[in-house]
């Protein structure tokens, strides 16, 4: 297969989002990541667009931590974000409540807006 033909069939993309953590919620987020790990991973295993996903808590200057979300996926970003929410929405809501910009009652459009 030619490189041009491969590019048309495979639209692998990468997403990296770095979200600031609310001041004072770093320890809570770290505990939440451990608590929700199995729930989050179980949902991701059912994804049809996902190749790779990683969450990491990054230390920041003067105590301002950040949550890094990385994925590798096939297809359009909007489709990927909706699928991430559909397979692991409750886990995402619990994890992202520690981040700046999160709103109560996080739903799929709110999740997409926060990550995008």
Protein backbone atom coordinates (compact mmCIF):
# COMPACT_ATOMS: atom_id res chain seq x y z
CA UNK A 1 0.00 0.00 0.00
CA UNK A 2 1.30 3.45 -0.83
CA UNK A 3 1.88 6.08 1.85
CA UNK A 4 -0.99 8.13 0.40
CA UNK A 5 -3.36 5.15 0.59
CA UNK A 6 -2.31 4.41 4.16
CA UNK A 7 -2.90 8.02 5.23
CA UNK A 8 -6.45 7.94 3.90
CA UNK A 9 -7.32 4.74 5.78
CA UNK A 10 -5.53 5.53 9.03
CA UNK A 11 -6.37 8.83 10.68
CA UNK A 12 -4.45 8.22 13.89
CA UNK A 13 -4.25 11.37 15.93
CA UNK A 14 -2.93 12.40 19.32
CA UNK A 15 -4.59 14.43 22.03
CA UNK A 16 -2.78 16.09 24.90
CA UNK A 17 -4.74 18.21 27.34
CA UNK A 18 -3.15 19.81 30.39
CA UNK A 19 -5.69 20.97 32.95
CA UNK A 20 -4.83 23.05 36.01
CA UNK A 21 -5.85 21.44 39.29
CA UNK A 22 -7.84 23.56 41.73
CA UNK A 23 -5.56 24.83 44.51
CA UNK A 24 -5.66 22.50 47.50
CA UNK A 25 -7.22 19.60 45.55
CA UNK A 26 -3.98 17.90 44.50
CA UNK A 27 -4.11 15.20 47.20
CA UNK A 28 -7.79 14.54 46.50
CA UNK A 29 -7.10 14.17 42.78
CA UNK A 30 -4.24 11.77 43.43
CA UNK A 31 -6.53 9.61 45.59
CA UNK A 32 -9.32 9.86 42.99
CA UNK A 33 -6.99 8.67 40.24
CA UNK A 34 -6.11 5.58 42.27
CA UNK A 35 -9.74 4.95 43.24
CA UNK A 36 -11.16 5.33 39.72
CA UNK A 37 -8.33 3.60 37.82
CA UNK A 38 -10.11 0.26 37.33
CA UNK A 39 -13.44 1.90 36.45
CA UNK A 40 -11.76 4.24 33.95
CA UNK A 41 -9.71 1.45 32.35
CA UNK A 42 -12.67 -0.95 32.11
CA UNK A 43 -14.60 1.65 30.16
CA UNK A 44 -11.69 2.48 27.89
CA UNK A 45 -11.29 -1.18 26.94
CA UNK A 46 -14.65 -0.96 25.16
CA UNK A 47 -13.59 2.02 23.04
CA UNK A 48 -13.44 1.51 19.29
CA UNK A 49 -11.33 4.61 18.48
CA UNK A 50 -8.72 4.50 21.26
CA UNK A 51 -5.18 3.16 20.86
CA UNK A 52 -3.55 4.60 23.98
CA UNK A 53 -4.57 6.65 27.02
CA UNK A 54 -2.68 8.09 29.96
CA UNK A 55 -3.54 10.30 32.90
CA UNK A 56 -0.73 11.88 34.93
CA UNK A 57 -0.64 14.33 37.79
CA UNK A 58 2.14 16.81 37.06
CA UNK A 59 3.65 18.95 39.81
CA UNK A 60 3.62 22.63 39.04
CA UNK A 61 5.50 25.69 40.13
CA UNK A 62 4.50 27.01 43.55
CA UNK A 63 2.32 23.95 44.19
CA UNK A 64 0.04 24.43 41.16
CA UNK A 65 -0.40 20.87 39.91
CA UNK A 66 -1.79 19.96 36.50
CA UNK A 67 -3.60 16.91 35.17
CA UNK A 68 -2.30 15.65 31.84
CA UNK A 69 -4.65 13.64 29.62
CA UNK A 70 -3.04 11.94 26.62
CA UNK A 71 -4.68 9.71 24.05
CA UNK A 72 -3.93 8.30 20.63
CA UNK A 73 -7.02 7.58 18.55
CA UNK A 74 -8.56 7.05 15.12
CA UNK A 75 -11.02 9.44 13.50
CA UNK A 76 -12.29 12.91 14.32
CA UNK A 77 -11.51 14.46 17.70
CA UNK A 78 -15.16 15.20 18.47
CA UNK A 79 -16.13 11.55 17.92
CA UNK A 80 -13.25 10.42 20.12
CA UNK A 81 -14.18 12.77 22.97
CA UNK A 82 -17.83 11.68 22.86
CA UNK A 83 -16.76 8.05 22.95
CA UNK A 84 -14.41 8.66 25.89
CA UNK A 85 -17.33 10.16 27.78
CA UNK A 86 -19.73 7.40 26.77
CA UNK A 87 -17.44 4.58 27.94
CA UNK A 88 -16.16 6.20 31.17
CA UNK A 89 -18.29 9.27 31.92
CA UNK A 90 -18.77 8.70 35.67
CA UNK A 91 -15.04 8.14 36.19
CA UNK A 92 -14.20 11.25 34.15
CA UNK A 93 -16.68 13.33 36.15
CA UNK A 94 -15.14 12.19 39.46
CA UNK A 95 -11.58 12.79 38.26
CA UNK A 96 -12.17 16.14 36.56
CA UNK A 97 -14.10 17.67 39.49
CA UNK A 98 -10.66 18.48 40.93
CA UNK A 99 -9.70 20.61 37.90
CA UNK A 100 -10.23 24.28 37.13
CA UNK A 101 -13.12 24.78 34.72
CA UNK A 102 -15.12 21.75 35.86
CA UNK A 103 -18.79 22.37 36.48
CA UNK A 104 -21.17 20.45 38.74
CA UNK A 105 -23.11 17.84 36.84
CA UNK A 106 -20.46 17.42 34.15
CA UNK A 107 -22.02 15.99 30.99
CA UNK A 108 -20.68 15.02 27.58
CA UNK A 109 -20.70 18.56 26.08
CA UNK A 110 -19.02 19.92 29.22
CA UNK A 111 -16.42 17.15 29.13
CA UNK A 112 -15.69 17.83 25.45
CA UNK A 113 -15.34 21.57 26.09
CA UNK A 114 -13.04 21.01 29.09
CA UNK A 115 -10.71 18.58 27.28
CA UNK A 116 -10.73 20.24 23.86
